[in-house]
Amino acid sequence: MEAELISGVELGDWRDRVLVPHDVPCFVTAEEQIAWGGINSASHWDADLVAERRRQDMRGKGLGLICRFITALRERGVPMLTTQPVARLALDSGRVTGVVLGSGEIISARRGVLLATGGYGERIEVALNLELNGVLTIDRKRPDVIDTFSADARH
């Protein structure tokens, strides 16, 4: 499943709130990336197309999917809370009815609850654990850059 490319401009005030990974070329689709020879052939990609997509802040792959979700939620007026520690799910007869925040505040939901934790690229302790288990590699000269392209596809 791959989301259609979307411009970050469509996110409005959420544009800068969605982190753009620096280790994934999100301005191309996975299909294009494969057809163009993969990430190791990036120097042979259509430079004009890549430049235009970057100029337009085009977003695809997982980032594009997140941006599509945000756009749909904004269009429907669904509130999106960020950096809110959730203590637990609120249940009624085994059915999830909302969340209980760390503050004790209960937020009820009529149609569902979507929990998201963000990518592990921003959490170095998670990345280090994944590296120890052979899932990805961290460049020791640049520990802030996580090389997910060397990730083991079995995980």
C-alpha atoms as a PDB file:
ATOM      1  CA  MET A   1       0.000   0.000   0.000  1.00  0.00           C
ATOM      2  CA  GLU A   2       1.374   3.374  -0.962  1.00  0.00           C
ATOM      3  CA  ALA A   3      -0.180   6.776  -0.572  1.00  0.00           C
ATOM      4  CA  GLU A   4      -0.292   9.125  -3.516  1.00  0.00           C
ATOM      5  CA  LEU A   5       2.272  11.925  -3.231  1.00  0.00           C
ATOM      6  CA  ILE A   6       0.969  14.953  -1.348  1.00  0.00           C
ATOM      7  CA  SER A   7       2.444  18.416  -0.945  1.00  0.00           C
ATOM      8  CA  GLY A   8       3.300  19.495   2.570  1.00  0.00           C
ATOM      9  CA  VAL A   9       1.543  22.763   1.701  1.00  0.00           C
ATOM     10  CA  GLU A  10      -1.790  20.897   1.946  1.00  0.00           C
ATOM     11  CA  LEU A  11      -1.157  20.369   5.666  1.00  0.00           C
ATOM     12  CA  GLY A  12      -1.542  24.058   6.454  1.00  0.00           C
ATOM     13  CA  ASP A  13      -0.414  24.794  10.002  1.00  0.00           C
ATOM     14  CA  TRP A  14       0.494  21.123  10.458  1.00  0.00           C
ATOM     15  CA  ARG A  15       3.182  21.273   7.749  1.00  0.00           C
ATOM     16  CA  ASP A  16       6.060  21.945  10.133  1.00  0.00           C
ATOM     17  CA  ARG A  17       4.664  19.687  12.835  1.00  0.00           C
ATOM     18  CA  VAL A  18       5.188  16.560  10.722  1.00  0.00           C
ATOM     19  CA  LEU A  19       8.846  15.551  10.800  1.00  0.00           C
ATOM     20  CA  VAL A  20      10.351  14.775   7.405  1.00  0.00           C
ATOM     21  CA  PRO A  21      12.892  11.954   7.723  1.00  0.00           C
ATOM     22  CA  HIS A  22      16.323  12.797   6.353  1.00  0.00           C
ATOM     23  CA  ASP A  23      17.236   9.184   5.626  1.00  0.00           C
ATOM     24  CA  VAL A  24      14.342   8.353   3.271  1.00  0.00           C
ATOM     25  CA  PRO A  25      13.729   9.939  -0.139  1.00  0.00           C
ATOM     26  CA  CYS A  26      10.045  10.630   0.514  1.00  0.00           C
ATOM     27  CA  PHE A  27       9.703  12.771  -2.621  1.00  0.00           C
ATOM     28  CA  VAL A  28       9.537   9.648  -4.814  1.00  0.00           C
ATOM     29  CA  THR A  29       7.204   6.679  -4.667  1.00  0.00           C
ATOM     30  CA  ALA A  30       8.538   3.251  -3.780  1.00  0.00           C
ATOM     31  CA  GLU A  31       7.606   2.107  -7.285  1.00  0.00           C
ATOM     32  CA  GLU A  32       9.678   4.908  -8.826  1.00  0.00           C
ATOM     33  CA  GLN A  33      12.590   4.248  -6.496  1.00  0.00           C
ATOM     34  CA  ILE A  34      12.659   0.593  -7.530  1.00  0.00           C
ATOM     35  CA  ALA A  35      12.211   1.377 -11.240  1.00  0.00           C
ATOM     36  CA  TRP A  36      15.048   3.918 -11.096  1.00  0.00           C
ATOM     37  CA  GLY A  37      17.469   1.366  -9.638  1.00  0.00           C
ATOM     38  CA  GLY A  38      16.996   1.826  -5.908  1.00  0.00           C
ATOM     39  CA  ILE A  39      18.504   4.140  -3.336  1.00  0.00           C
ATOM     40  CA  ASN A  40      22.054   3.280  -4.363  1.00  0.00           C
ATOM     41  CA  SER A  41      21.312   4.683  -7.834  1.00  0.00           C
ATOM     42  CA  ALA A  42      19.925   8.014  -6.620  1.00  0.00           C
ATOM     43  CA  SER A  43      22.587   9.916  -8.586  1.00  0.00           C
ATOM     44  CA  HIS A  44      20.974   8.543 -11.768  1.00  0.00           C
ATOM     45  CA  TRP A  45      17.409   9.570 -10.914  1.00  0.00           C
ATOM     46  CA  ASP A  46      15.629  12.283 -12.905  1.00  0.00           C
ATOM     47  CA  ALA A  47      17.301  15.313 -11.315  1.00  0.00           C
ATOM     48  CA  ASP A  48      14.758  17.807 -12.676  1.00  0.00           C
ATOM     49  CA  LEU A  49      11.809  15.798 -11.340  1.00  0.00           C
ATOM     50  CA  VAL A  50      13.494  15.341  -7.955  1.00  0.00           C
ATOM     51  CA  ALA A  51      14.249  19.081  -7.734  1.00  0.00           C
ATOM     52  CA  GLU A  52      10.666  20.000  -8.646  1.00  0.00           C
ATOM     53  CA  ARG A  53       9.212  17.599  -6.085  1.00  0.00           C
ATOM     54  CA  ARG A  54      11.487  18.928  -3.387  1.00  0.00           C
ATOM     55  CA  ARG A  55      10.514  22.484  -4.315  1.00  0.00           C
ATOM     56  CA  GLN A  56       6.841  21.509  -3.991  1.00  0.00           C
ATOM     57  CA  ASP A  57       7.551  19.656  -0.712  1.00  0.00           C
ATOM     58  CA  MET A  58       6.050  16.457  -2.132  1.00  0.00           C
ATOM     59  CA  ARG A  59       5.709  13.666   0.406  1.00  0.00           C
ATOM     60  CA  GLY A  60       5.210   9.987  -0.214  1.00  0.00           C
ATOM     61  CA  LYS A  61       5.826   6.565   1.340  1.00  0.00           C
ATOM     62  CA  GLY A  62       5.033   6.408   5.080  1.00  0.00           C
ATOM     63  CA  LEU A  63       5.340  10.170   5.407  1.00  0.00           C
ATOM     64  CA  GLY A  64       2.810  10.622   2.607  1.00  0.00           C
ATOM     65  CA  LEU A  65       0.396   8.250   4.320  1.00  0.00           C
ATOM     66  CA  ILE A  66       0.665  10.199   7.585  1.00  0.00           C
ATOM     67  CA  CYS A  67       0.093  13.458   5.699  1.00  0.00           C
ATOM     68  CA  ARG A  68      -3.003  11.982   4.027  1.00  0.00           C
ATOM     69  CA  PHE A  69      -4.329  10.912   7.449  1.00  0.00           C
ATOM     70  CA  ILE A  70      -3.747  14.391   8.856  1.00  0.00           C
ATOM     71  CA  THR A  71      -5.453  16.032   5.878  1.00  0.00           C
ATOM     72  CA  ALA A  72      -8.500  13.751   6.223  1.00  0.00           C
ATOM     73  CA  LEU A  73      -8.731  14.342   9.976  1.00  0.00           C
ATOM     74  CA  ARG A  74      -8.473  18.122   9.543  1.00  0.00           C
ATOM     75  CA  GLU A  75     -11.195  18.089   6.863  1.00  0.00           C
ATOM     76  CA  ARG A  76     -13.478  16.254   9.297  1.00  0.00           C
ATOM     77  CA  GLY A  77     -12.677  18.483  12.258  1.00  0.00           C
ATOM     78  CA  VAL A  78     -11.185  15.636  14.294  1.00  0.00           C
ATOM     79  CA  PRO A  79      -8.976  16.967  17.099  1.00  0.00           C
ATOM     80  CA  MET A  80      -5.389  15.720  17.031  1.00  0.00           C
ATOM     81  CA  LEU A  81      -3.481  15.817  20.296  1.00  0.00           C
ATOM     82  CA  THR A  82       0.276  15.487  20.256  1.00  0.00           C
ATOM     83  CA  THR A  83       2.775  14.855  23.038  1.00  0.00           C
ATOM     84  CA  GLN A  84      -0.022  13.705  25.320  1.00  0.00           C
ATOM     85  CA  PRO A  85       1.013  10.826  27.581  1.00  0.00           C
ATOM     86  CA  VAL A  86      -1.746   8.226  27.617  1.00  0.00           C
ATOM     87  CA  ALA A  87      -2.007   6.295  30.875  1.00  0.00           C
ATOM     88  CA  ARG A  88      -4.443   3.691  29.554  1.00  0.00           C
ATOM     89  CA  LEU A  89      -7.370   3.027  27.286  1.00  0.00           C
ATOM     90  CA  ALA A  90     -10.821   3.738  28.715  1.00  0.00           C
ATOM     91  CA  LEU A  91     -12.957   0.599  28.536  1.00  0.00           C
ATOM     92  CA  ASP A  92     -16.637  -0.154  28.950  1.00  0.00           C
ATOM     93  CA  SER A  93     -17.596  -3.838  28.967  1.00  0.00           C
ATOM     94  CA  GLY A  94     -14.356  -4.673  27.166  1.00  0.00           C
ATOM     95  CA  ARG A  95     -14.949  -2.048  24.440  1.00  0.00           C
ATOM     96  CA  VAL A  96     -12.516   0.848  23.983  1.00  0.00           C
ATOM     97  CA  THR A  97     -14.440   4.060  24.601  1.00  0.00           C
ATOM     98  CA  GLY A  98     -11.587   6.562  24.802  1.00  0.00           C
ATOM     99  CA  VAL A  99      -8.296   7.248  26.532  1.00  0.00           C
ATOM    100  CA  VAL A 100      -7.218   8.317  30.001  1.00  0.00           C
ATOM    101  CA  LEU A 101      -4.391  10.843  29.767  1.00  0.00           C
ATOM    102  CA  GLY A 102      -1.498  10.892  32.186  1.00  0.00           C
ATOM    103  CA  SER A 103      -3.175  13.902  33.825  1.00  0.00           C
ATOM    104  CA  GLY A 104      -6.254  11.758  34.558  1.00  0.00           C
ATOM    105  CA  GLU A 105      -8.390  13.582  31.968  1.00  0.00           C
ATOM    106  CA  ILE A 106     -10.632  11.220  30.039  1.00  0.00           C
ATOM    107  CA  ILE A 107     -11.166  11.792  26.343  1.00  0.00           C
ATOM    108  CA  SER A 108     -14.145   9.856  25.061  1.00  0.00           C
ATOM    109  CA  ALA A 109     -14.394   8.568  21.509  1.00  0.00           C
ATOM    110  CA  ARG A 110     -17.537   7.735  19.550  1.00  0.00           C
ATOM    111  CA  ARG A 111     -15.998   5.867  16.652  1.00  0.00           C
ATOM    112  CA  GLY A 112     -12.506   4.810  17.682  1.00  0.00           C
ATOM    113  CA  VAL A 113      -9.132   5.774  19.069  1.00  0.00           C
ATOM    114  CA  LEU A 114      -5.970   6.069  17.007  1.00  0.00           C
ATOM    115  CA  LEU A 115      -2.735   5.820  18.944  1.00  0.00           C
ATOM    116  CA  ALA A 116       0.551   6.699  17.278  1.00  0.00           C
ATOM    117  CA  THR A 117       4.041   6.871  18.660  1.00  0.00           C
ATOM    118  CA  GLY A 118       5.960   8.378  15.746  1.00  0.00           C
ATOM    119  CA  GLY A 119       9.026   6.909  14.093  1.00  0.00           C
ATOM    120  CA  TYR A 120      11.960   5.464  15.934  1.00  0.00           C
ATOM    121  CA  GLY A 121      14.383   7.723  14.068  1.00  0.00           C
ATOM    122  CA  GLU A 122      13.834  10.488  16.602  1.00  0.00           C
ATOM    123  CA  ARG A 123      14.328   8.183  19.585  1.00  0.00           C
ATOM    124  CA  ILE A 124      17.965   7.201  19.718  1.00  0.00           C
ATOM    125  CA  GLU A 125      17.436   4.697  22.572  1.00  0.00           C
ATOM    126  CA  VAL A 126      14.955   2.751  20.446  1.00  0.00           C
ATOM    127  CA  ALA A 127      17.290   2.927  17.461  1.00  0.00           C
ATOM    128  CA  LEU A 128      20.183   1.617  19.556  1.00  0.00           C
ATOM    129  CA  ASN A 129      18.047  -1.311  20.697  1.00  0.00           C
ATOM    130  CA  LEU A 130      17.132  -2.072  17.073  1.00  0.00           C
ATOM    131  CA  GLU A 131      20.804  -1.891  16.120  1.00  0.00           C
ATOM    132  CA  LEU A 132      21.735  -4.344  18.877  1.00  0.00           C
ATOM    133  CA  ASN A 133      19.185  -6.749  17.421  1.00  0.00           C
ATOM    134  CA  GLY A 134      20.578  -6.359  13.894  1.00  0.00           C
ATOM    135  CA  VAL A 135      17.585  -4.469  12.523  1.00  0.00           C
ATOM    136  CA  LEU A 136      19.421  -1.284  11.499  1.00  0.00           C
ATOM    137  CA  THR A 137      22.835   0.340  11.482  1.00  0.00           C
ATOM    138  CA  ILE A 138      23.910   3.613  13.085  1.00  0.00           C
ATOM    139  CA  ASP A 139      26.863   5.518  11.630  1.00  0.00           C
ATOM    140  CA  ARG A 140      29.183   5.937  14.631  1.00  0.00           C
ATOM    141  CA  LYS A 141      30.670   9.106  13.089  1.00  0.00           C
ATOM    142  CA  ARG A 142      27.168  10.605  12.863  1.00  0.00           C
ATOM    143  CA  PRO A 143      25.038   8.963  15.593  1.00  0.00           C
ATOM    144  CA  ASP A 144      22.231  11.392  14.799  1.00  0.00           C
ATOM    145  CA  VAL A 145      21.804   9.747  11.363  1.00  0.00           C
ATOM    146  CA  ILE A 146      20.165   6.354  11.398  1.00  0.00           C
ATOM    147  CA  ASP A 147      20.680   4.276   8.273  1.00  0.00           C
ATOM    148  CA  THR A 148      17.372   2.479   7.846  1.00  0.00           C
ATOM    149  CA  PHE A 149      18.354   1.474   4.318  1.00  0.00           C
ATOM    150  CA  SER A 150      20.649  -1.143   5.809  1.00  0.00           C
ATOM    151  CA  ALA A 151      17.746  -2.526   7.815  1.00  0.00           C
ATOM    152  CA  ASP A 152      17.251  -6.262   7.662  1.00  0.00           C
ATOM    153  CA  ALA A 153      14.116  -6.876   5.581  1.00  0.00           C
ATOM    154  CA  ARG A 154      13.114  -9.807   7.775  1.00  0.00           C
ATOM    155  CA  HIS A 155      12.092  -7.448  10.578  1.00  0.00           C
END
